[in-house]
Protein backbone atom coordinates (compact mmCIF):
# COMPACT_ATOMS: atom_id res chain seq x y z
CA MET A 1 36.32 -41.89 -11.06
CA ILE A 2 34.20 -42.98 -14.03
CA THR A 3 31.75 -44.71 -11.70
CA THR A 4 31.46 -41.57 -9.57
CA LEU A 5 30.77 -39.37 -12.59
CA ARG A 6 28.23 -41.86 -13.91
CA THR A 7 26.44 -41.90 -10.57
CA LEU A 8 26.47 -38.11 -10.39
CA LEU A 9 25.02 -37.88 -13.90
CA MET A 10 22.30 -40.39 -13.02
CA GLY A 11 21.34 -38.28 -10.01
CA LEU A 12 21.19 -35.12 -12.08
CA ILE A 13 19.03 -36.76 -14.74
CA LEU A 14 16.72 -38.28 -12.12
CA LEU A 15 16.17 -34.99 -10.31
CA ALA A 16 15.67 -33.06 -13.54
CA GLY A 17 13.15 -35.66 -14.69
CA LEU A 18 11.23 -35.47 -11.43
CA MET A 19 11.03 -31.70 -11.66
CA GLN A 20 9.57 -31.85 -15.17
CA THR A 21 6.99 -34.55 -14.44
CA THR A 22 4.17 -32.09 -13.75
CA PRO A 23 3.59 -28.40 -14.37
CA SER A 24 5.05 -26.47 -11.45
CA HIS A 25 5.56 -22.96 -10.24
CA ALA A 26 8.42 -21.49 -8.26
CA HIS A 27 5.95 -19.96 -5.90
CA LYS A 28 2.71 -18.48 -7.18
CA PRO A 29 0.29 -20.71 -9.09
CA SER A 30 -1.96 -19.55 -11.90
CA ASP A 31 -5.04 -17.94 -10.37
CA SER A 32 -7.90 -15.65 -11.26
CA TYR A 33 -10.09 -13.83 -8.75
CA LEU A 34 -13.86 -13.45 -8.90
CA SER A 35 -15.62 -11.07 -6.51
CA PHE A 36 -19.43 -11.29 -6.59
CA ASP A 37 -21.69 -8.65 -5.02
CA LEU A 38 -25.10 -10.25 -4.43
CA GLN A 39 -28.39 -8.78 -3.26
CA GLN A 40 -31.16 -10.96 -1.86
CA GLY A 41 -34.46 -10.52 -3.70
CA SER A 42 -32.73 -9.17 -6.80
CA ASN A 43 -32.12 -10.89 -10.13
CA GLU A 44 -29.04 -8.75 -10.77
CA PHE A 45 -25.51 -8.90 -9.36
CA ALA A 46 -22.09 -7.32 -9.94
CA LEU A 47 -18.87 -9.22 -10.63
CA ARG A 48 -15.26 -8.10 -10.62
CA TRP A 49 -13.00 -10.62 -12.36
CA ASP A 50 -9.19 -10.32 -12.17
CA ILE A 51 -7.30 -12.43 -14.74
CA ALA A 52 -3.50 -12.57 -15.03
CA LEU A 53 -2.26 -10.93 -18.23
CA ARG A 54 0.44 -13.59 -18.59
CA ASP A 55 -2.26 -16.28 -18.72
CA LEU A 56 -4.36 -14.36 -21.23
CA ASP A 57 -1.28 -13.75 -23.36
CA PHE A 58 -0.46 -17.46 -23.34
CA ALA A 59 -4.01 -18.38 -24.36
CA LEU A 60 -4.71 -15.59 -26.85
CA ASP A 61 -1.26 -14.35 -27.93
CA LEU A 62 -1.90 -10.72 -26.98
CA ASP A 63 1.72 -9.66 -27.58
CA THR A 64 1.19 -8.88 -31.26
CA ASP A 65 4.64 -7.36 -31.87
CA GLN A 66 6.34 -10.31 -30.11
CA SER A 67 8.41 -7.91 -28.00
CA GLY A 68 8.03 -9.94 -24.83
CA ASP A 69 6.29 -7.05 -23.06
CA LEU A 70 2.58 -6.34 -23.24
CA THR A 71 1.75 -2.67 -23.84
CA TRP A 72 -1.44 -0.95 -22.76
CA GLY A 73 -2.27 -0.50 -26.45
CA GLU A 74 -2.05 -4.25 -27.06
CA VAL A 75 -4.25 -4.92 -24.02
CA GLN A 76 -6.86 -2.38 -25.15
CA ALA A 77 -6.87 -3.81 -28.67
CA ALA A 78 -7.53 -7.29 -27.28
CA GLU A 79 -10.04 -6.29 -24.58
CA ALA A 80 -13.15 -7.43 -26.46
CA ARG A 81 -11.48 -10.71 -27.47
CA ALA A 82 -10.25 -11.37 -23.92
CA THR A 83 -13.67 -10.58 -22.45
CA GLU A 84 -15.46 -12.87 -24.91
CA PHE A 85 -12.95 -15.64 -24.22
CA ALA A 86 -13.36 -15.36 -20.44
CA LEU A 87 -17.16 -15.20 -20.52
CA SER A 88 -17.32 -18.32 -22.69
CA LEU A 89 -15.70 -20.25 -19.85
CA LEU A 90 -17.85 -19.03 -16.96
CA THR A 91 -21.48 -20.03 -16.44
CA VAL A 92 -23.65 -18.51 -13.72
CA LYS A 93 -27.19 -19.74 -12.99
CA ALA A 94 -29.87 -18.67 -10.55
CA ASN A 95 -30.40 -21.24 -7.83
CA ASN A 96 -34.14 -21.62 -8.33
CA GLU A 97 -36.54 -24.08 -10.01
CA GLU A 98 -35.86 -22.78 -13.49
CA GLY A 99 -32.08 -22.79 -13.10
CA ALA A 100 -31.78 -20.49 -16.10
CA ALA A 101 -28.36 -19.13 -17.00
CA CYS A 102 -27.62 -15.54 -16.03
CA THR A 103 -26.37 -13.15 -18.70
CA LEU A 104 -22.99 -11.51 -18.04
CA SER A 105 -22.06 -8.28 -19.81
CA PRO A 106 -19.34 -5.64 -19.37
CA GLN A 107 -20.38 -2.86 -17.02
CA LYS A 108 -17.48 -0.51 -17.79
CA PRO A 109 -14.11 -0.65 -19.60
CA ALA A 110 -11.55 -3.13 -18.32
CA GLN A 111 -8.69 -1.89 -16.14
CA LEU A 112 -5.30 -3.15 -14.98
CA ASP A 113 -4.39 -3.96 -11.40
CA GLN A 114 -1.26 -5.27 -9.67
CA HIS A 115 -1.23 -8.49 -7.64
CA SER A 116 1.72 -10.06 -5.84
CA ASP A 117 2.64 -12.03 -8.97
CA GLY A 118 2.14 -9.44 -11.71
CA THR A 119 -0.38 -7.45 -13.70
CA TYR A 120 -4.00 -8.52 -14.00
CA LEU A 121 -6.79 -7.49 -16.37
CA VAL A 122 -9.86 -6.47 -14.36
CA LEU A 123 -13.25 -7.12 -15.97
CA TRP A 124 -16.22 -5.25 -14.48
CA LEU A 125 -19.34 -7.27 -15.23
CA ASN A 126 -23.06 -7.03 -14.59
CA GLY A 127 -25.12 -10.19 -14.23
CA GLN A 128 -28.84 -10.52 -14.91
CA CYS A 129 -30.79 -13.70 -14.21
CA GLU A 130 -34.14 -14.91 -15.48
CA GLY A 131 -36.05 -15.15 -12.26
CA THR A 132 -34.94 -14.24 -8.77
CA PRO A 133 -32.34 -16.53 -7.15
CA ARG A 134 -33.72 -18.11 -3.98
CA LYS A 135 -30.68 -19.59 -2.26
CA GLY A 136 -27.90 -17.95 -4.26
CA LEU A 137 -26.06 -18.49 -7.53
CA MET A 138 -24.59 -21.64 -9.08
CA THR A 139 -21.35 -21.02 -10.93
CA GLU A 140 -19.34 -23.26 -13.25
CA TYR A 141 -15.77 -22.14 -13.92
CA ARG A 142 -13.61 -23.55 -16.75
CA LEU A 143 -11.03 -20.83 -17.48
CA PHE A 144 -7.56 -22.12 -18.55
CA PHE A 145 -8.21 -25.65 -17.26
CA ASP A 146 -7.38 -27.11 -20.68
CA LEU A 147 -4.06 -25.20 -20.72
CA ASP A 148 -2.99 -25.45 -17.09
CA PRO A 149 -4.45 -28.14 -14.78
CA THR A 150 -3.07 -26.29 -11.73
CA HIS A 151 -5.08 -23.14 -12.49
CA ARG A 152 -7.74 -22.10 -9.98
CA GLY A 153 -10.55 -19.62 -9.76
CA LEU A 154 -10.79 -17.98 -6.33
CA ALA A 155 -14.37 -16.84 -5.86
CA GLN A 156 -15.55 -14.64 -3.00
CA TRP A 157 -18.96 -13.11 -2.54
CA THR A 158 -20.77 -10.59 -0.42
CA VAL A 159 -24.50 -10.48 0.36
CA GLU A 160 -25.92 -7.02 1.03
CA GLY A 161 -22.32 -5.80 1.22
CA LYS A 162 -21.40 -8.29 3.97
CA PRO A 163 -18.68 -10.95 3.30
CA SER A 164 -20.51 -14.26 3.05
CA GLY A 165 -18.11 -16.88 1.72
CA SER A 166 -15.28 -17.98 -0.57
CA VAL A 167 -14.57 -21.07 -2.64
CA LEU A 168 -11.71 -22.52 -4.71
CA LEU A 169 -12.65 -23.63 -8.24
CA ARG A 170 -10.41 -26.30 -9.79
CA PRO A 171 -10.69 -28.84 -12.63
CA GLU A 172 -11.99 -31.44 -10.16
CA ALA A 173 -14.33 -28.91 -8.50
CA LYS A 174 -15.60 -26.62 -11.25
CA THR A 175 -19.00 -25.80 -9.77
CA ALA A 176 -20.00 -24.13 -6.52
CA LEU A 177 -23.02 -22.58 -4.85
CA LEU A 178 -22.60 -18.94 -3.86
CA SER A 179 -25.12 -19.10 -1.06
CA PHE A 180 -27.01 -16.20 0.46
CA GLU A 181 -26.39 -17.87 3.81
CA GLU A 182 -23.12 -17.14 5.59
CA GLN A 183 -20.45 -19.79 4.99
CA SER A 184 -20.22 -22.30 7.82
CA LEU A 185 -17.26 -22.83 10.12
CA TYR A 186 -16.83 -26.35 8.72
CA ASP A 187 -16.74 -25.21 5.08
CA THR A 188 -14.25 -22.44 5.81
CA THR A 189 -11.99 -24.80 7.75
CA LEU A 190 -12.05 -27.44 5.03
CA ASP A 191 -11.47 -24.97 2.19
CA TYR A 192 -8.44 -23.35 3.79
CA ILE A 193 -6.89 -26.66 4.87
CA LYS A 194 -7.18 -27.84 1.26
CA GLU A 195 -5.62 -24.60 0.05
CA GLY A 196 -2.69 -24.93 2.48
CA VAL A 197 -1.99 -28.50 1.32
CA TRP A 198 -2.36 -27.50 -2.33
CA HIS A 199 -0.03 -24.55 -1.98
CA ILE A 200 2.85 -26.48 -0.41
CA TRP A 201 2.54 -29.23 -3.03
CA ILE A 202 2.78 -26.88 -6.00
CA GLY A 203 5.18 -24.41 -4.34
CA ILE A 204 8.31 -26.01 -5.73
CA ASP A 205 10.63 -23.47 -4.08
CA HIS A 206 9.29 -24.43 -0.63
CA ILE A 207 9.55 -28.14 -1.47
CA LEU A 208 13.16 -27.87 -2.68
CA PHE A 209 14.11 -25.84 0.40
CA LEU A 210 12.62 -28.48 2.69
CA LEU A 211 14.16 -31.38 0.77
CA ALA A 212 17.59 -29.74 0.70
CA LEU A 213 17.40 -29.50 4.50
CA LEU A 214 16.08 -33.04 5.01
CA LEU A 215 18.16 -35.15 2.62
CA PRO A 216 21.29 -34.93 4.85
CA ALA A 217 19.24 -36.14 7.86
CA VAL A 218 20.02 -39.78 7.05
CA LEU A 219 23.76 -39.04 6.83
CA VAL A 220 26.59 -37.93 9.12
CA ARG A 221 29.86 -36.20 8.31
CA TYR A 222 32.93 -38.37 8.97
CA ARG A 223 36.42 -37.16 7.96
CA ASP A 224 34.99 -34.77 5.35
CA HIS A 225 32.81 -37.47 3.83
CA TRP A 226 29.15 -38.42 4.11
CA ARG A 227 28.13 -41.79 5.48
CA GLY A 228 24.78 -43.26 6.53
CA VAL A 229 23.50 -42.93 10.08
CA GLU A 230 23.71 -46.14 12.10
CA ALA A 231 20.13 -46.13 13.40
CA LEU A 232 16.73 -44.81 12.36
CA PRO A 233 16.10 -42.83 15.61
CA VAL A 234 19.10 -40.62 14.81
CA ALA A 235 17.61 -39.63 11.45
CA VAL A 236 14.11 -39.21 12.90
CA LYS A 237 15.40 -36.88 15.63
CA ASP A 238 17.14 -34.70 13.03
CA ILE A 239 14.07 -34.64 10.78
CA VAL A 240 11.79 -33.64 13.66
CA LYS A 241 14.14 -30.79 14.67
CA VAL A 242 14.34 -29.39 11.14
CA VAL A 243 10.61 -29.68 10.36
CA THR A 244 9.59 -28.27 13.75
CA ALA A 245 11.93 -25.28 13.40
CA PHE A 246 10.65 -24.53 9.89
CA THR A 247 7.02 -24.92 11.00
CA VAL A 248 7.33 -22.66 14.04
CA ALA A 249 9.18 -19.99 12.06
CA HIS A 250 6.84 -19.75 9.08
CA SER A 251 3.79 -19.95 11.35
CA ILE A 252 5.00 -16.84 13.20
CA THR A 253 5.53 -14.69 10.11
CA LEU A 254 2.50 -16.08 8.28
CA SER A 255 0.32 -14.95 11.18
CA LEU A 256 2.01 -11.56 11.55
CA ALA A 257 1.74 -10.83 7.82
CA ALA A 258 -1.82 -12.14 7.44
CA LEU A 259 -2.95 -9.98 10.34
CA GLU A 260 -1.05 -7.03 8.78
CA VAL A 261 1.18 -6.59 11.83
CA VAL A 262 4.33 -6.85 9.67
CA GLN A 263 4.46 -6.24 5.91
CA LEU A 264 7.46 -6.74 3.63
CA PRO A 265 7.81 -6.01 -0.11
CA SER A 266 6.74 -9.08 -2.10
CA LYS A 267 9.64 -8.80 -4.56
CA TRP A 268 12.17 -8.75 -1.72
CA VAL A 269 10.54 -11.72 0.01
CA GLU A 270 10.31 -13.87 -3.13
CA SER A 271 13.90 -13.10 -4.14
CA THR A 272 15.23 -13.96 -0.70
CA ILE A 273 13.23 -17.21 -0.61
CA ALA A 274 14.91 -18.27 -3.85
CA LEU A 275 18.31 -17.30 -2.43
CA SER A 276 17.63 -19.38 0.70
CA VAL A 277 17.21 -22.46 -1.53
CA VAL A 278 20.59 -21.72 -3.14
CA LEU A 279 22.39 -21.45 0.20
CA VAL A 280 20.86 -24.56 1.72
CA ALA A 281 21.62 -26.62 -1.40
CA LEU A 282 25.25 -25.44 -1.49
CA ASN A 283 25.68 -26.33 2.18
CA ASN A 284 24.98 -29.96 1.27
CA LEU A 285 28.12 -30.11 -0.88
CA ARG A 286 30.48 -29.66 2.08
CA GLY A 287 28.22 -30.11 5.08
CA SER A 288 29.63 -27.00 6.76
CA VAL A 289 26.48 -26.68 8.85
CA HIS A 290 25.05 -30.13 9.52
CA ALA A 291 24.05 -30.74 13.13
CA ARG A 292 22.50 -27.27 13.46
CA ARG A 293 20.53 -27.25 10.22
CA TRP A 294 17.43 -26.63 12.34
CA VAL A 295 18.80 -23.13 12.97
CA ILE A 296 18.92 -22.53 9.22
CA ALA A 297 15.40 -23.95 8.91
CA PHE A 298 14.14 -21.51 11.53
CA ALA A 299 15.94 -18.44 10.15
CA PHE A 300 14.85 -18.95 6.55
CA GLY A 301 11.47 -20.29 7.65
CA LEU A 302 10.64 -16.79 8.82
CA LEU A 303 11.03 -15.61 5.21
CA HIS A 304 9.00 -18.48 3.79
CA GLY A 305 6.16 -17.52 6.13
CA PHE A 306 5.90 -14.15 4.37
CA GLY A 307 5.73 -16.05 1.08
CA PHE A 308 2.82 -18.16 2.36
CA ALA A 309 1.15 -14.96 3.56
CA SER A 310 1.18 -13.42 0.07
CA VAL A 311 -0.83 -16.38 -1.21
CA LEU A 312 -3.23 -16.14 1.71
CA ALA A 313 -3.66 -12.42 1.10
CA ASP A 314 -4.64 -13.08 -2.52
CA LEU A 315 -7.10 -15.74 -1.36
CA GLY A 316 -8.70 -13.23 0.95
CA LEU A 317 -9.32 -13.99 4.61
CA PRO A 318 -13.00 -13.93 5.61
CA THR A 319 -13.27 -11.24 8.25
CA GLN A 320 -15.96 -13.12 10.19
CA LEU A 321 -13.79 -16.26 10.41
CA LEU A 322 -10.33 -14.72 10.25
CA THR A 323 -8.69 -16.85 12.94
CA VAL A 324 -10.25 -20.08 11.68
CA ALA A 325 -9.12 -19.45 8.08
CA LEU A 326 -5.59 -18.54 9.18
CA LEU A 327 -5.19 -21.59 11.40
CA SER A 328 -6.75 -23.89 8.79
CA PHE A 329 -4.40 -22.69 6.05
CA ASN A 330 -1.43 -23.26 8.36
CA VAL A 331 -2.68 -26.75 9.24
CA GLY A 332 -2.95 -27.49 5.53
CA VAL A 333 0.63 -26.37 4.95
CA GLU A 334 1.83 -28.66 7.78
CA LEU A 335 -0.14 -31.62 6.42
CA GLY A 336 1.35 -31.01 2.99
CA GLN A 337 4.85 -30.92 4.47
CA LEU A 338 4.21 -34.08 6.48
CA ALA A 339 3.10 -35.94 3.35
CA ILE A 340 6.35 -34.96 1.59
CA VAL A 341 8.45 -36.09 4.56
CA LEU A 342 6.65 -39.44 4.81
CA LEU A 343 7.01 -40.00 1.07
CA VAL A 344 10.71 -39.10 0.71
CA MET A 345 12.50 -39.89 3.95
CA PRO A 346 11.86 -43.67 4.15
CA VAL A 347 13.38 -44.01 0.68
CA ALA A 348 16.29 -41.78 1.68
CA TYR A 349 16.93 -43.90 4.77
CA ALA A 350 16.87 -47.11 2.74
CA LEU A 351 19.40 -45.71 0.23
CA ARG A 352 21.60 -43.82 2.72
CA ASN A 353 24.61 -46.15 2.43
CA THR A 354 24.69 -46.19 -1.38
CA ARG A 355 26.96 -44.03 -3.52
CA PHE A 356 23.92 -43.25 -5.64
CA TYR A 357 22.30 -41.47 -2.70
CA ARG A 358 25.38 -39.78 -1.23
CA ILE A 359 26.80 -38.57 -4.54
CA GLY A 360 24.00 -38.75 -7.09
CA ILE A 361 21.00 -37.62 -5.04
CA LEU A 362 22.47 -35.47 -2.25
CA GLN A 363 25.41 -33.82 -3.98
CA GLY A 364 24.34 -34.04 -7.61
CA GLY A 365 20.77 -33.09 -6.76
CA SER A 366 21.95 -30.19 -4.61
CA ILE A 367 23.96 -28.81 -7.53
CA VAL A 368 20.89 -28.92 -9.77
CA VAL A 369 18.73 -27.30 -7.08
CA ALA A 370 21.32 -24.56 -6.46
CA ILE A 371 21.50 -23.72 -10.17
CA ILE A 372 17.72 -23.61 -10.58
CA ALA A 373 17.26 -21.51 -7.43
CA ALA A 374 20.02 -19.13 -8.55
CA ILE A 375 18.10 -18.58 -11.80
CA TRP A 376 14.93 -18.00 -9.78
CA THR A 377 16.77 -15.39 -7.72
CA TYR A 378 17.85 -13.60 -10.89
CA GLU A 379 14.33 -13.81 -12.35
CA ARG A 380 12.70 -12.40 -9.23
CA ILE A 381 15.20 -9.56 -8.81
CA THR A 382 15.17 -8.48 -12.46
CA GLY A 383 11.59 -9.41 -13.38
CA THR A 384 12.77 -11.44 -16.40
CA VAL A 385 11.75 -15.00 -17.29
CA VAL A 386 14.43 -17.61 -17.92
CA LEU A 387 13.04 -20.97 -16.73
CA GLY A 388 9.37 -20.07 -16.56
CA LEU A 389 8.87 -22.53 -13.66
């Protein structure tokens, strides 16, 4: 009994440690959105910049009364400070021989807008360059990178009112050319594949859901107990069924939602995704549904597809390359999933006959996952923050 408890405790500590290794988010990463309106032959441009209030509050402590809720008065009082802070971390230059920096200044008072993950401060800016840009604008983005390495700037731009391109700005890719020429098929494909991979890797709720489904694949139920499968092909067959079912399901709803055929409330979708993690994790304790876990993967995969779609909607699909962007994002998600499977499952197979795996990792880990996902469900239903993951 003591050995069993010790093994269970080791599994709980291991899983908790793994979850705290890097900054993570239950679903939506930290983003800001930059929308440039460019005109060829002009040294001026317009910029709308949406920045999450929660990120600004973390960086600048906007909640002066420490109530936990930002009021419109607190936001207004901090508008100048927030604008100055943001502009100090964004550099825009004309893409010409001089390469002189463009001056950014507020065009009108800031406003608030709602995104799928909360309230954003909207800055309306006017840019003026020394000299006329020839090929476009060069931008260097550094907002929040020192506070959150997973933060991204999602820049889109139009030329003469026509959508021309989009780019993801990260710590390892801070600069980008906003070209007057329409973005190529290759660039769009590569950008959205990268975004799909990135999203699945930092979407810890999707990862835990997938892992909770896959960890039992190297085991079978025998007389109400878990034991390791006898041969690798048995585990591989189960893994393929689960991953395929999840992939097909979320691809269906991702496409339907991205094309605006079916729309569901974001709060309902996110809450149900968290609940799906709870249910799958609890199933691992008794193995009530084992051989047909692919059915669970398909059913809940439909919900996860709507979650992927909310991220894709915030990214903005280029109308001229809509199908390419949608397919590329989905390919990226599948590649991200495949990397997780290839990383975890060989280790799981090697450890399948150990008590550490059966009790510590599968059962102990499933308890931890169920508790965390239950807190997520509460957070998403009530709008409160408990874990902050």
